[in-house]
Amino acid sequence: MKRVVGMSTYTTGLMANVAQGGTAAAQAWLYARNLGPDEALVVVQVFGIPIGGSTLSPIYVAGFMVPSNSAVTRSFGVAGLSIYEMQLNNVDDLSEMAMSVYGVDSAGNLARSQRILPPELSPMLGLVQS
């Protein structure tokens, strides 16, 4: 499993959110697991393009703490977006995080094409500190 360690920013990449008759996912769920002994700060940014639009715009910015050796879940509304992207930032230098993202439709079913596991997150080039 890929661990996001220290001031790292990752992206899901642009995710197509279209289905016959509307959007594939109504919500994007983030699962964040703190594998370390210290509390961790995670900052999430969600960007999207509305159906019929052409400009990628910021939709949400949220920060939250993840206690040591625990997991939290956060959801973000993506209904009405034809494309969305989540950027995940593990702010704390000493924390160890494993994060995944799942698109979920309005009935609570997983949107199979919108599943990003920890090893599938891409580093944000130019933002990742070495």
Protein backbone atom coordinates (compact mmCIF):
# COMPACT_ATOMS: atom_id res chain seq x y z
CA MET A 1 0.00 0.00 0.00
CA LYS A 2 1.32 3.46 -0.92
CA ARG A 3 1.63 5.67 2.12
CA VAL A 4 1.37 9.42 1.83
CA VAL A 5 4.10 10.67 4.17
CA GLY A 6 4.80 14.30 5.05
CA MET A 7 3.78 17.48 3.21
CA SER A 8 2.59 15.63 0.10
CA THR A 9 -0.11 16.64 -2.36
CA TYR A 10 -1.78 14.01 -4.53
CA THR A 11 -4.53 14.08 -7.12
CA THR A 12 -7.16 11.66 -8.34
CA GLY A 13 -6.71 13.17 -11.79
CA LEU A 14 -9.71 14.37 -13.75
CA MET A 15 -12.59 11.91 -13.39
CA ALA A 16 -15.39 11.74 -15.95
CA ASN A 17 -18.70 11.82 -14.11
CA VAL A 18 -21.20 11.19 -16.88
CA ALA A 19 -23.82 8.49 -17.23
CA GLN A 20 -26.89 8.06 -19.38
CA GLY A 21 -29.46 10.50 -18.05
CA GLY A 22 -27.14 12.48 -15.73
CA THR A 23 -24.06 12.09 -13.59
CA ALA A 24 -22.54 8.78 -12.52
CA ALA A 25 -21.75 9.90 -8.97
CA ALA A 26 -23.73 12.18 -6.69
CA GLN A 27 -20.98 12.22 -4.06
CA ALA A 28 -17.26 11.59 -3.89
CA TRP A 29 -16.23 9.87 -0.66
CA LEU A 30 -12.76 10.28 0.79
CA TYR A 31 -11.47 7.65 3.18
CA ALA A 32 -8.40 8.77 5.16
CA ARG A 33 -6.50 6.33 7.38
CA ASN A 34 -3.82 7.60 9.74
CA LEU A 35 -1.24 4.85 10.14
CA GLY A 36 1.02 6.78 12.48
CA PRO A 37 1.18 7.66 16.17
CA ASP A 38 0.50 11.40 15.67
CA GLU A 39 -2.66 13.29 14.72
CA ALA A 40 -2.63 14.38 11.05
CA LEU A 41 -4.06 17.36 9.19
CA VAL A 42 -5.53 16.65 5.76
CA VAL A 43 -6.60 19.40 3.34
CA VAL A 44 -8.89 18.45 0.44
CA GLN A 45 -9.65 20.55 -2.63
CA VAL A 46 -12.35 19.53 -5.10
CA PHE A 47 -12.50 21.03 -8.58
CA GLY A 48 -15.22 20.47 -11.16
CA ILE A 49 -16.73 21.31 -14.52
CA PRO A 50 -20.54 21.61 -14.50
CA ILE A 51 -22.50 19.72 -17.16
CA GLY A 52 -22.54 21.92 -20.25
CA GLY A 53 -19.60 23.98 -18.95
CA SER A 54 -15.99 24.13 -20.04
CA THR A 55 -14.10 25.69 -17.12
CA LEU A 56 -12.58 23.76 -14.24
CA SER A 57 -13.42 25.68 -11.05
CA PRO A 58 -12.83 25.16 -7.31
CA ILE A 59 -15.90 23.61 -5.64
CA TYR A 60 -14.77 22.77 -2.08
CA VAL A 61 -11.82 23.29 0.23
CA ALA A 62 -11.91 21.41 3.52
CA GLY A 63 -9.41 20.64 6.24
CA PHE A 64 -9.80 18.11 9.00
CA MET A 65 -7.79 16.26 11.61
CA VAL A 66 -7.36 12.48 11.59
CA PRO A 67 -6.50 11.05 15.02
CA SER A 68 -3.58 8.64 15.30
CA ASN A 69 -4.25 5.03 14.35
CA SER A 70 -7.78 5.78 13.12
CA ALA A 71 -9.78 6.53 9.99
CA VAL A 72 -12.28 9.18 8.94
CA THR A 73 -14.64 9.57 6.00
CA ARG A 74 -15.73 12.79 4.29
CA SER A 75 -18.15 13.24 1.39
CA PHE A 76 -18.34 15.95 -1.24
CA GLY A 77 -21.26 16.59 -3.60
CA VAL A 78 -20.36 16.10 -7.27
CA ALA A 79 -23.85 15.73 -8.78
CA GLY A 80 -24.18 18.02 -11.78
CA LEU A 81 -20.45 17.95 -12.51
CA SER A 82 -19.36 16.32 -15.77
CA ILE A 83 -15.75 16.17 -14.53
CA TYR A 84 -14.23 16.46 -11.08
CA GLU A 85 -10.85 16.14 -9.43
CA MET A 86 -9.84 15.79 -5.78
CA GLN A 87 -6.49 17.05 -4.54
CA LEU A 88 -5.39 15.61 -1.19
CA ASN A 89 -2.73 17.20 0.97
CA ASN A 90 -1.21 15.50 4.00
CA VAL A 91 0.11 18.59 5.79
CA ASP A 92 1.97 17.09 8.77
CA ASP A 93 5.60 16.15 8.24
CA LEU A 94 5.58 13.10 10.52
CA SER A 95 2.17 11.59 9.81
CA GLU A 96 1.57 8.54 7.65
CA MET A 97 -1.69 8.56 5.70
CA ALA A 98 -3.39 6.13 3.34
CA MET A 99 -6.22 7.77 1.37
CA SER A 100 -8.72 6.51 -1.20
CA VAL A 101 -11.62 8.07 -3.12
CA TYR A 102 -14.88 6.49 -4.30
CA GLY A 103 -17.68 7.95 -6.40
CA VAL A 104 -21.16 6.99 -5.09
CA ASP A 105 -24.44 7.41 -6.99
CA SER A 106 -27.66 8.81 -5.51
CA ALA A 107 -28.77 5.30 -4.49
CA GLY A 108 -25.56 4.70 -2.53
CA ASN A 109 -23.96 2.39 -5.12
CA LEU A 110 -20.30 2.67 -6.03
CA ALA A 111 -19.56 4.20 -9.43
CA ARG A 112 -17.07 1.54 -10.56
CA SER A 113 -15.07 3.87 -12.80
CA GLN A 114 -14.56 6.31 -9.93
CA ARG A 115 -12.45 4.31 -7.50
CA ILE A 116 -8.97 5.57 -6.67
CA LEU A 117 -6.95 3.44 -4.24
CA PRO A 118 -3.83 4.71 -2.42
CA PRO A 119 -1.32 3.36 -5.00
CA GLU A 120 -3.35 4.99 -7.80
CA LEU A 121 -3.10 8.57 -6.46
CA SER A 122 -0.73 10.71 -8.53
CA PRO A 123 1.73 13.14 -6.98
CA MET A 124 1.07 16.76 -7.90
CA LEU A 125 4.19 17.63 -9.89
CA GLY A 126 5.69 20.90 -8.78
CA LEU A 127 3.86 20.75 -5.44
CA VAL A 128 5.48 17.66 -3.92
CA GLN A 129 8.36 18.47 -1.62
CA SER A 130 11.33 16.12 -1.49
